[in-house]
Amino acid sequence: MLIKDFKSVNKMLNDISGKNRPGDIYVDNLHSPYIRFEEKFVIPASSITHPEFSVVKEFVSILSKYLPEAIEGTCLLPESRPKKETGKLFFVRPIVFSNKQFLYVFATDMQYLGGAANEEIKKPGAQNLTPSIITDRIYFQVKIFPIESVKEEGDHILDFKSLRFQGGVFRVESDRTHDHPIRRFSEIFDEIDFSDIESKIREELGINSDIWQLGRVYSPIGIDYLALGLRFLTPSLPKIIKEFRNFYPVLDPGEDGVEETARSAYHSYLKQFVAEREQSRSGNMLWKINFTEKGHTSQ
């Protein structure tokens, strides 16, 4: 996508406002979150490797209608991050608390991932072209992580540099031997799977089954862009910021660990999520996510 094209999209994003359409949050058997709406819409066909500007613009219009809270005031990155995820759009917005800079990222997939029925395929896929699908869902990921800087051109964000996670008080104990000290995570980033690191981080933060009832369905904290990040199942920037301001120090453990007030606030937030196990129409497992806020269930 040309620079002038993505700047045109960013102008659209600056003018977006409104409330999200009502919908139910799910996580599928591949641990991918999506929101399902009461009505259906058409996802346009696009190039698998280089989505056309007209298609991107049409998809942003869909998002502005159904999920304006997720992308309001954001900038669309001109390239996917990571670059190999060519079918996704990445909307970003810097956030600053206590002079610490974070980045909000809303990523959404322009391809349908749910296994469409024949009657839902408006236009079949072709070589290097995705099919056009009639659907009721939007797949998404929402993350916030610390950054060192953003690369900007005027009001447009071109790229970012994450703040690499150095371990802090989180350490690896599985490598302890009689003659080798415990190594910090920063020393073994290229040696073990991130899921092992993430499991240890959750344990260090006291995130157990009583705190986070979703278990392995979806991890609320982990390593993203080599930074320690939080992951959210609420596609709404205003709602996320309202909560995140209470526990952002979780992402900056330091040598003394996470302060108790931030840890408690994060635990309180995580306790509000409950997953109901269901089955997709194709027989695969999926989970419906319920979030209770001040006595009211909402998505």
Foldseek 3Di string as FASTA:
>chain_A
DDPVLQVVVVVVLQPFDDAAAAWFWKQFPVLWIKTFHPAKDKQAKAFQQAGDSVNVSVVVVVCSHHPSQLRRPWGWAPADVVNVNRQKIWTWDWDDDPNFIKIKIKIWGSADDPDDDPVQFPAPADVRMHTMGIGRMIIIWIKMFTFDAFDDDVSHTHGTGGDADFQAQQWDDVPDDPPDDTDGCNVCVPPDDFVVSLVSLCVVLVPDCQQAVCPVSHRQWTADSNATMGIDRDSGPVVCVVLCNQQVCQRVQHNVGGDPRNSVSSSVQNNQKDWDWDADPVGGIMTTIWGDDPNDTGD
